[in-house]
Amino acid sequence: MFSKSQLLGIGPIKSTTLFFVTNNSKDFLKFAVIYDIGIVATENIKSKNPEDLAEMISDAIIDYSLWGQKSGFILTLMSDGKHQFKILTD
C-alpha cells in the first residue's frame, strides 16, 4: 500500500507551514515576513466559483510544495495558471 505522498511523488512531509488564503493579500505581507507564514493570494482570479477556486488552490499547494516552505512567501494565483511565487524578505 502506498501513502498519498508516495503516490503524488512528493516524498514524506516533514514539516508543516502555516499559510493564509486571502482575497486581500497586501494586508498580510508584513506578517508573512515577521512570522514566516505564507500567503496564497486569490485577488487576481476571475472566477470566484468555490469549486474552481478550491481546485486551483489545491493544485498550487502541490505544485509549489507549500507545506515545506521555511520562510514567508506569497503565491499569487492567476486565472491563466501562470501563478507567481516569491519568498518574502525584510
PDB file of N, CA and C in Angstrom:
ATOM      1  N   MET A   1       0.844  -1.175   0.000  1.00  0.00           N
ATOM      2  CA  MET A   1       0.000   0.000   0.000  1.00  0.00           C
ATOM      3  C   MET A   1       0.890   1.240   0.000  1.00  0.00           C
ATOM      4  N   PHE A   2       0.558   2.210  -0.830  1.00  0.00           N
ATOM      5  CA  PHE A   2       1.309   3.453  -0.926  1.00  0.00           C
ATOM      6  C   PHE A   2       0.591   4.568  -0.168  1.00  0.00           C
ATOM      7  N   SER A   3       1.381   5.458   0.429  1.00  0.00           N
ATOM      8  CA  SER A   3       0.802   6.630   1.072  1.00  0.00           C
ATOM      9  C   SER A   3       0.451   7.658  -0.006  1.00  0.00           C
ATOM     10  N   LYS A   4      -0.358   8.633   0.363  1.00  0.00           N
ATOM     11  CA  LYS A   4      -0.740   9.676  -0.585  1.00  0.00           C
ATOM     12  C   LYS A   4       0.487  10.429  -1.082  1.00  0.00           C
ATOM     13  N   SER A   5       1.442  10.714  -0.184  1.00  0.00           N
ATOM     14  CA  SER A   5       2.631  11.448  -0.608  1.00  0.00           C
ATOM     15  C   SER A   5       3.472  10.636  -1.591  1.00  0.00           C
ATOM     16  N   GLN A   6       3.522   9.322  -1.417  1.00  0.00           N
ATOM     17  CA  GLN A   6       4.258   8.479  -2.354  1.00  0.00           C
ATOM     18  C   GLN A   6       3.562   8.458  -3.718  1.00  0.00           C
ATOM     19  N   LEU A   7       2.247   8.387  -3.719  1.00  0.00           N
ATOM     20  CA  LEU A   7       1.508   8.378  -4.977  1.00  0.00           C
ATOM     21  C   LEU A   7       1.669   9.695  -5.728  1.00  0.00           C
ATOM     22  N   LEU A   8       1.747  10.788  -5.002  1.00  0.00           N
ATOM     23  CA  LEU A   8       1.923  12.088  -5.634  1.00  0.00           C
ATOM     24  C   LEU A   8       3.371  12.353  -6.010  1.00  0.00           C
ATOM     25  N   GLY A   9       4.290  11.498  -5.537  1.00  0.00           N
ATOM     26  CA  GLY A   9       5.697  11.667  -5.848  1.00  0.00           C
ATOM     27  C   GLY A   9       6.359  12.802  -5.084  1.00  0.00           C
ATOM     28  N   ILE A  10       5.823  13.125  -3.920  1.00  0.00           N
ATOM     29  CA  ILE A  10       6.365  14.256  -3.175  1.00  0.00           C
ATOM     30  C   ILE A  10       7.196  13.840  -1.974  1.00  0.00           C
ATOM     31  N   GLY A  11       7.241  12.570  -1.680  1.00  0.00           N
ATOM     32  CA  GLY A  11       8.009  12.110  -0.535  1.00  0.00           C
ATOM     33  C   GLY A  11       7.292  12.428   0.760  1.00  0.00           C
ATOM     34  N   PRO A  12       7.872  12.023   1.875  1.00  0.00           N
ATOM     35  CA  PRO A  12       7.222  12.277   3.162  1.00  0.00           C
ATOM     36  C   PRO A  12       7.198  13.767   3.494  1.00  0.00           C
ATOM     37  N   ILE A  13       6.138  14.189   4.118  1.00  0.00           N
ATOM     38  CA  ILE A  13       6.021  15.578   4.538  1.00  0.00           C
ATOM     39  C   ILE A  13       6.632  15.693   5.928  1.00  0.00           C
ATOM     40  N   LYS A  14       7.724  16.453   6.046  1.00  0.00           N
ATOM     41  CA  LYS A  14       8.475  16.523   7.293  1.00  0.00           C
ATOM     42  C   LYS A  14       8.179  17.777   8.103  1.00  0.00           C
ATOM     43  N   SER A  15       7.555  18.751   7.502  1.00  0.00           N
ATOM     44  CA  SER A  15       7.225  19.964   8.233  1.00  0.00           C
ATOM     45  C   SER A  15       5.901  20.512   7.731  1.00  0.00           C
ATOM     46  N   THR A  16       5.327  21.342   8.524  1.00  0.00           N
ATOM     47  CA  THR A  16       4.060  21.952   8.161  1.00  0.00           C
ATOM     48  C   THR A  16       4.233  23.454   8.147  1.00  0.00           C
ATOM     49  N   THR A  17       3.695  24.081   7.138  1.00  0.00           N
ATOM     50  CA  THR A  17       3.786  25.523   7.002  1.00  0.00           C
ATOM     51  C   THR A  17       2.396  26.117   7.149  1.00  0.00           C
ATOM     52  N   LEU A  18       2.302  27.184   7.910  1.00  0.00           N
ATOM     53  CA  LEU A  18       1.049  27.896   8.056  1.00  0.00           C
ATOM     54  C   LEU A  18       0.928  28.898   6.917  1.00  0.00           C
ATOM     55  N   PHE A  19      -0.196  28.890   6.231  1.00  0.00           N
ATOM     56  CA  PHE A  19      -0.418  29.908   5.218  1.00  0.00           C
ATOM     57  C   PHE A  19      -1.881  30.304   5.192  1.00  0.00           C
ATOM     58  N   PHE A  20      -2.097  31.519   4.725  1.00  0.00           N
ATOM     59  CA  PHE A  20      -3.437  32.080   4.618  1.00  0.00           C
ATOM     60  C   PHE A  20      -3.836  32.159   3.156  1.00  0.00           C
ATOM     61  N   VAL A  21      -5.081  31.867   2.893  1.00  0.00           N
ATOM     62  CA  VAL A  21      -5.654  32.085   1.572  1.00  0.00           C
ATOM     63  C   VAL A  21      -6.524  33.322   1.708  1.00  0.00           C
ATOM     64  N   THR A  22      -6.239  34.329   0.884  1.00  0.00           N
ATOM     65  CA  THR A  22      -6.926  35.601   1.048  1.00  0.00           C
ATOM     66  C   THR A  22      -7.167  36.295  -0.292  1.00  0.00           C
ATOM     67  N   ASN A  23      -8.201  37.099  -0.297  1.00  0.00           N
ATOM     68  CA  ASN A  23      -8.514  37.930  -1.449  1.00  0.00           C
ATOM     69  C   ASN A  23      -8.012  39.364  -1.217  1.00  0.00           C
ATOM     70  N   ASN A  24      -7.206  39.533  -0.181  1.00  0.00           N
ATOM     71  CA  ASN A  24      -6.672  40.849   0.184  1.00  0.00           C
ATOM     72  C   ASN A  24      -5.253  40.669   0.733  1.00  0.00           C
ATOM     73  N   SER A  25      -4.363  40.200  -0.087  1.00  0.00           N
ATOM     74  CA  SER A  25      -3.029  39.790   0.367  1.00  0.00           C
ATOM     75  C   SER A  25      -2.183  40.924   0.923  1.00  0.00           C
ATOM     76  N   LYS A  26      -2.357  42.128   0.421  1.00  0.00           N
ATOM     77  CA  LYS A  26      -1.485  43.231   0.860  1.00  0.00           C
ATOM     78  C   LYS A  26      -1.565  43.471   2.364  1.00  0.00           C
ATOM     79  N   ASP A  27      -2.695  43.143   2.976  1.00  0.00           N
ATOM     80  CA  ASP A  27      -2.842  43.339   4.416  1.00  0.00           C
ATOM     81  C   ASP A  27      -2.051  42.328   5.250  1.00  0.00           C
ATOM     82  N   PHE A  28      -1.562  41.266   4.637  1.00  0.00           N
ATOM     83  CA  PHE A  28      -0.859  40.222   5.373  1.00  0.00           C
ATOM     84  C   PHE A  28       0.635  40.155   5.074  1.00  0.00           C
ATOM     85  N   LEU A  29       1.120  40.928   4.119  1.00  0.00           N
ATOM     86  CA  LEU A  29       2.525  40.818   3.705  1.00  0.00           C
ATOM     87  C   LEU A  29       3.503  41.028   4.841  1.00  0.00           C
ATOM     88  N   LYS A  30       3.289  42.044   5.669  1.00  0.00           N
ATOM     89  CA  LYS A  30       4.241  42.309   6.760  1.00  0.00           C
ATOM     90  C   LYS A  30       4.265  41.166   7.776  1.00  0.00           C
ATOM     91  N   PHE A  31       3.124  40.526   7.993  1.00  0.00           N
ATOM     92  CA  PHE A  31       3.067  39.414   8.944  1.00  0.00           C
ATOM     93  C   PHE A  31       3.743  38.161   8.391  1.00  0.00           C
ATOM     94  N   ALA A  32       3.699  38.001   7.093  1.00  0.00           N
ATOM     95  CA  ALA A  32       4.347  36.841   6.472  1.00  0.00           C
ATOM     96  C   ALA A  32       5.843  36.846   6.734  1.00  0.00           C
ATOM     97  N   VAL A  33       6.447  38.016   6.664  1.00  0.00           N
ATOM     98  CA  VAL A  33       7.889  38.136   6.904  1.00  0.00           C
ATOM     99  C   VAL A  33       8.208  37.945   8.387  1.00  0.00           C
ATOM    100  N   ILE A  34       7.445  38.579   9.248  1.00  0.00           N
ATOM    101  CA  ILE A  34       7.705  38.526  10.686  1.00  0.00           C
ATOM    102  C   ILE A  34       7.523  37.119  11.240  1.00  0.00           C
ATOM    103  N   TYR A  35       6.446  36.433  10.845  1.00  0.00           N
ATOM    104  CA  TYR A  35       6.088  35.149  11.440  1.00  0.00           C
ATOM    105  C   TYR A  35       6.373  33.948  10.548  1.00  0.00           C
ATOM    106  N   ASP A  36       7.037  34.169   9.422  1.00  0.00           N
ATOM    107  CA  ASP A  36       7.362  33.084   8.491  1.00  0.00           C
ATOM    108  C   ASP A  36       6.120  32.284   8.090  1.00  0.00           C
ATOM    109  N   ILE A  37       5.105  32.994   7.673  1.00  0.00           N
ATOM    110  CA  ILE A  37       3.894  32.344   7.173  1.00  0.00           C
ATOM    111  C   ILE A  37       3.777  32.598   5.682  1.00  0.00           C
ATOM    112  N   GLY A  38       2.922  31.860   5.058  1.00  0.00           N
ATOM    113  CA  GLY A  38       2.703  32.025   3.635  1.00  0.00           C
ATOM    114  C   GLY A  38       1.355  32.652   3.344  1.00  0.00           C
ATOM    115  N   ILE A  39       1.274  33.239   2.168  1.00  0.00           N
ATOM    116  CA  ILE A  39       0.032  33.837   1.708  1.00  0.00           C
ATOM    117  C   ILE A  39      -0.272  33.267   0.331  1.00  0.00           C
ATOM    118  N   VAL A  40      -1.491  32.799   0.159  1.00  0.00           N
ATOM    119  CA  VAL A  40      -1.977  32.413  -1.154  1.00  0.00           C
ATOM    120  C   VAL A  40      -2.990  33.489  -1.536  1.00  0.00           C
ATOM    121  N   ALA A  41      -2.616  34.306  -2.511  1.00  0.00           N
ATOM    122  CA  ALA A  41      -3.424  35.455  -2.912  1.00  0.00           C
ATOM    123  C   ALA A  41      -4.369  35.065  -4.043  1.00  0.00           C
ATOM    124  N   THR A  42      -5.642  35.375  -3.854  1.00  0.00           N
ATOM    125  CA  THR A  42      -6.653  34.999  -4.846  1.00  0.00           C
ATOM    126  C   THR A  42      -7.287  36.196  -5.547  1.00  0.00           C
ATOM    127  N   GLU A  43      -6.809  37.412  -5.275  1.00  0.00           N
ATOM    128  CA  GLU A  43      -7.485  38.591  -5.828  1.00  0.00           C
ATOM    129  C   GLU A  43      -7.426  38.698  -7.346  1.00  0.00           C
ATOM    130  N   ASN A  44      -6.512  37.979  -7.999  1.00  0.00           N
ATOM    131  CA  ASN A  44      -6.417  38.033  -9.464  1.00  0.00           C
ATOM    132  C   ASN A  44      -7.192  36.933 -10.172  1.00  0.00           C
ATOM    133  N   ILE A  45      -7.956  36.167  -9.431  1.00  0.00           N
ATOM    134  CA  ILE A  45      -8.745  35.086 -10.028  1.00  0.00           C
ATOM    135  C   ILE A  45     -10.081  35.657 -10.484  1.00  0.00           C
ATOM    136  N   LYS A  46     -10.395  35.462 -11.752  1.00  0.00           N
ATOM    137  CA  LYS A  46     -11.651  35.987 -12.300  1.00  0.00           C
ATOM    138  C   LYS A  46     -12.855  35.219 -11.756  1.00  0.00           C
ATOM    139  N   SER A  47     -12.776  33.912 -11.779  1.00  0.00           N
ATOM    140  CA  SER A  47     -13.890  33.081 -11.319  1.00  0.00           C
ATOM    141  C   SER A  47     -13.839  32.940  -9.805  1.00  0.00           C
ATOM    142  N   LYS A  48     -14.918  33.254  -9.139  1.00  0.00           N
ATOM    143  CA  LYS A  48     -14.999  33.067  -7.695  1.00  0.00           C
ATOM    144  C   LYS A  48     -15.853  31.838  -7.360  1.00  0.00           C
ATOM    145  N   ASN A  49     -16.027  30.962  -8.350  1.00  0.00           N
ATOM    146  CA  ASN A  49     -16.739  29.715  -8.125  1.00  0.00           C
ATOM    147  C   ASN A  49     -15.956  28.917  -7.082  1.00  0.00           C
ATOM    148  N   PRO A  50     -16.586  28.568  -5.963  1.00  0.00           N
ATOM    149  CA  PRO A  50     -15.856  27.897  -4.878  1.00  0.00           C
ATOM    150  C   PRO A  50     -15.174  26.595  -5.295  1.00  0.00           C
ATOM    151  N   GLU A  51     -15.810  25.813  -6.142  1.00  0.00           N
ATOM    152  CA  GLU A  51     -15.203  24.542  -6.566  1.00  0.00           C
ATOM    153  C   GLU A  51     -13.968  24.776  -7.418  1.00  0.00           C
ATOM    154  N   ASP A  52     -14.051  25.725  -8.353  1.00  0.00           N
ATOM    155  CA  ASP A  52     -12.896  26.033  -9.207  1.00  0.00           C
ATOM    156  C   ASP A  52     -11.746  26.606  -8.383  1.00  0.00           C
ATOM    157  N   LEU A  53     -12.075  27.505  -7.486  1.00  0.00           N
ATOM    158  CA  LEU A  53     -11.058  28.133  -6.648  1.00  0.00           C
ATOM    159  C   LEU A  53     -10.388  27.101  -5.738  1.00  0.00           C
ATOM    160  N   ALA A  54     -11.175  26.211  -5.151  1.00  0.00           N
ATOM    161  CA  ALA A  54     -10.619  25.168  -4.281  1.00  0.00           C
ATOM    162  C   ALA A  54      -9.671  24.260  -5.055  1.00  0.00           C
ATOM    163  N   GLU A  55     -10.041  23.898  -6.270  1.00  0.00           N
ATOM    164  CA  GLU A  55      -9.174  23.041  -7.080  1.00  0.00           C
ATOM    165  C   GLU A  55      -7.877  23.767  -7.449  1.00  0.00           C
ATOM    166  N   MET A  56      -7.980  25.046  -7.795  1.00  0.00           N
ATOM    167  CA  MET A  56      -6.790  25.819  -8.142  1.00  0.00           C
ATOM    168  C   MET A  56      -5.845  25.936  -6.942  1.00  0.00           C
ATOM    169  N   ILE A  57      -6.402  26.203  -5.763  1.00  0.00           N
ATOM    170  CA  ILE A  57      -5.590  26.308  -4.547  1.00  0.00           C
ATOM    171  C   ILE A  57      -4.926  24.970  -4.237  1.00  0.00           C
ATOM    172  N   SER A  58      -5.686  23.904  -4.304  1.00  0.00           N
ATOM    173  CA  SER A  58      -5.149  22.571  -4.025  1.00  0.00           C
ATOM    174  C   SER A  58      -4.016  22.214  -4.984  1.00  0.00           C
ATOM    175  N   ASP A  59      -4.220  22.461  -6.261  1.00  0.00           N
ATOM    176  CA  ASP A  59      -3.175  22.174  -7.251  1.00  0.00           C
ATOM    177  C   ASP A  59      -1.926  23.011  -6.975  1.00  0.00           C
ATOM    178  N   ALA A  60      -2.109  24.278  -6.617  1.00  0.00           N
ATOM    179  CA  ALA A  60      -0.967  25.161  -6.355  1.00  0.00           C
ATOM    180  C   ALA A  60      -0.188  24.706  -5.120  1.00  0.00           C
ATOM    181  N   ILE A  61      -0.894  24.257  -4.092  1.00  0.00           N
ATOM    182  CA  ILE A  61      -0.224  23.758  -2.885  1.00  0.00           C
ATOM    183  C   ILE A  61       0.713  22.608  -3.239  1.00  0.00           C
ATOM    184  N   ILE A  62       0.251  21.724  -4.096  1.00  0.00           N
ATOM    185  CA  ILE A  62       1.066  20.582  -4.520  1.00  0.00           C
ATOM    186  C   ILE A  62       2.177  21.035  -5.465  1.00  0.00           C
ATOM    187  N   ASP A  63       1.829  21.829  -6.484  1.00  0.00           N
ATOM    188  CA  ASP A  63       2.808  22.253  -7.490  1.00  0.00           C
ATOM    189  C   ASP A  63       3.972  23.030  -6.885  1.00  0.00           C
ATOM    190  N   TYR A  64       3.704  23.830  -5.882  1.00  0.00           N
ATOM    191  CA  TYR A  64       4.744  24.670  -5.279  1.00  0.00           C
ATOM    192  C   TYR A  64       5.251  24.125  -3.941  1.00  0.00           C
ATOM    193  N   SER A  65       4.835  22.922  -3.564  1.00  0.00           N
ATOM    194  CA  SER A  65       5.275  22.284  -2.313  1.00  0.00           C
ATOM    195  C   SER A  65       5.186  23.246  -1.133  1.00  0.00           C
ATOM    196  N   LEU A  66       4.036  23.878  -0.976  1.00  0.00           N
ATOM    197  CA  LEU A  66       3.894  24.914   0.041  1.00  0.00           C
ATOM    198  C   LEU A  66       4.052  24.395   1.462  1.00  0.00           C
ATOM    199  N   TRP A  67       3.779  23.136   1.703  1.00  0.00           N
ATOM    200  CA  TRP A  67       3.880  22.596   3.063  1.00  0.00           C
ATOM    201  C   TRP A  67       5.310  22.564   3.564  1.00  0.00           C
ATOM    202  N   GLY A  68       6.293  22.688   2.704  1.00  0.00           N
ATOM    203  CA  GLY A  68       7.684  22.592   3.126  1.00  0.00           C
ATOM    204  C   GLY A  68       8.425  23.912   3.142  1.00  0.00           C
ATOM    205  N   GLN A  69       7.749  25.001   2.881  1.00  0.00           N
ATOM    206  CA  GLN A  69       8.426  26.299   2.868  1.00  0.00           C
ATOM    207  C   GLN A  69       8.847  26.686   4.281  1.00  0.00           C
ATOM    208  N   LYS A  70      10.039  27.202   4.409  1.00  0.00           N
ATOM    209  CA  LYS A  70      10.588  27.536   5.722  1.00  0.00           C
ATOM    210  C   LYS A  70      10.583  29.033   6.013  1.00  0.00           C
ATOM    211  N   SER A  71      10.128  29.835   5.082  1.00  0.00           N
ATOM    212  CA  SER A  71      10.113  31.281   5.296  1.00  0.00           C
ATOM    213  C   SER A  71       8.836  31.867   4.713  1.00  0.00           C
ATOM    214  N   GLY A  72       8.627  33.144   4.997  1.00  0.00           N
ATOM    215  CA  GLY A  72       7.441  33.807   4.489  1.00  0.00           C
ATOM    216  C   GLY A  72       7.428  33.835   2.970  1.00  0.00           C
ATOM    217  N   PHE A  73       6.265  33.658   2.405  1.00  0.00           N
ATOM    218  CA  PHE A  73       6.153  33.670   0.950  1.00  0.00           C
ATOM    219  C   PHE A  73       4.782  34.179   0.544  1.00  0.00           C
ATOM    220  N   ILE A  74       4.678  34.529  -0.727  1.00  0.00           N
ATOM    221  CA  ILE A  74       3.383  34.827  -1.324  1.00  0.00           C
ATOM    222  C   ILE A  74       3.283  34.059  -2.637  1.00  0.00           C
ATOM    223  N   LEU A  75       2.177  33.407  -2.815  1.00  0.00           N
ATOM    224  CA  LEU A  75       1.860  32.751  -4.076  1.00  0.00           C
ATOM    225  C   LEU A  75       0.616  33.443  -4.604  1.00  0.00           C
ATOM    226  N   THR A  76       0.792  34.181  -5.685  1.00  0.00           N
ATOM    227  CA  THR A  76      -0.320  34.906  -6.290  1.00  0.00           C
ATOM    228  C   THR A  76      -0.905  34.039  -7.392  1.00  0.00           C
ATOM    229  N   LEU A  77      -2.135  33.601  -7.190  1.00  0.00           N
ATOM    230  CA  LEU A  77      -2.794  32.764  -8.175  1.00  0.00           C
ATOM    231  C   LEU A  77      -3.315  33.631  -9.322  1.00  0.00           C
ATOM    232  N   MET A  78      -3.158  33.124 -10.533  1.00  0.00           N
ATOM    233  CA  MET A  78      -3.591  33.842 -11.723  1.00  0.00           C
ATOM    234  C   MET A  78      -4.586  32.976 -12.490  1.00  0.00           C
ATOM    235  N   SER A  79      -5.573  33.612 -13.083  1.00  0.00           N
ATOM    236  CA  SER A  79      -6.611  32.883 -13.818  1.00  0.00           C
ATOM    237  C   SER A  79      -6.043  32.058 -14.964  1.00  0.00           C
ATOM    238  N   ASP A  80      -4.958  32.524 -15.585  1.00  0.00           N
ATOM    239  CA  ASP A  80      -4.371  31.806 -16.716  1.00  0.00           C
ATOM    240  C   ASP A  80      -3.449  30.662 -16.282  1.00  0.00           C
ATOM    241  N   GLY A  81      -3.313  30.444 -14.958  1.00  0.00           N
ATOM    242  CA  GLY A  81      -2.479  29.356 -14.444  1.00  0.00           C
ATOM    243  C   GLY A  81      -1.011  29.715 -14.298  1.00  0.00           C
ATOM    244  N   LYS A  82      -0.611  30.914 -14.687  1.00  0.00           N
ATOM    245  CA  LYS A  82       0.785  31.349 -14.576  1.00  0.00           C
ATOM    246  C   LYS A  82       0.962  32.048 -13.231  1.00  0.00           C
ATOM    247  N   HIS A  83       0.909  31.263 -12.173  1.00  0.00           N
ATOM    248  CA  HIS A  83       0.987  31.784 -10.812  1.00  0.00           C
ATOM    249  C   HIS A  83       2.372  32.372 -10.547  1.00  0.00           C
ATOM    250  N   GLN A  84       2.446  33.272  -9.585  1.00  0.00           N
ATOM    251  CA  GLN A  84       3.698  33.934  -9.240  1.00  0.00           C
ATOM    252  C   GLN A  84       4.047  33.606  -7.788  1.00  0.00           C
ATOM    253  N   PHE A  85       5.217  33.001  -7.601  1.00  0.00           N
ATOM    254  CA  PHE A  85       5.689  32.606  -6.285  1.00  0.00           C
ATOM    255  C   PHE A  85       6.891  33.465  -5.906  1.00  0.00           C
ATOM    256  N   LYS A  86       6.887  33.967  -4.674  1.00  0.00           N
ATOM    257  CA  LYS A  86       8.001  34.793  -4.235  1.00  0.00           C
ATOM    258  C   LYS A  86       8.253  34.578  -2.740  1.00  0.00           C
ATOM    259  N   ILE A  87       9.518  34.342  -2.393  1.00  0.00           N
ATOM    260  CA  ILE A  87       9.940  34.307  -1.000  1.00  0.00           C
ATOM    261  C   ILE A  87      10.034  35.753  -0.541  1.00  0.00           C
ATOM    262  N   LEU A  88       9.458  36.050   0.619  1.00  0.00           N
ATOM    263  CA  LEU A  88       9.454  37.410   1.140  1.00  0.00           C
ATOM    264  C   LEU A  88      10.623  37.617   2.096  1.00  0.00           C
ATOM    265  N   THR A  89      11.252  38.777   2.000  1.00  0.00           N
ATOM    266  CA  THR A  89      12.352  39.137   2.890  1.00  0.00           C
ATOM    267  C   THR A  89      12.038  40.502   3.489  1.00  0.00           C
ATOM    268  N   ASP A  90      12.820  40.883   4.490  1.00  0.00           N
ATOM    269  CA  ASP A  90      12.602  42.177   5.165  1.00  0.00           C
ATOM    270  C   ASP A  90      12.573  43.323   4.214  1.00  0.00           C
TER     271      ASP A  90
END
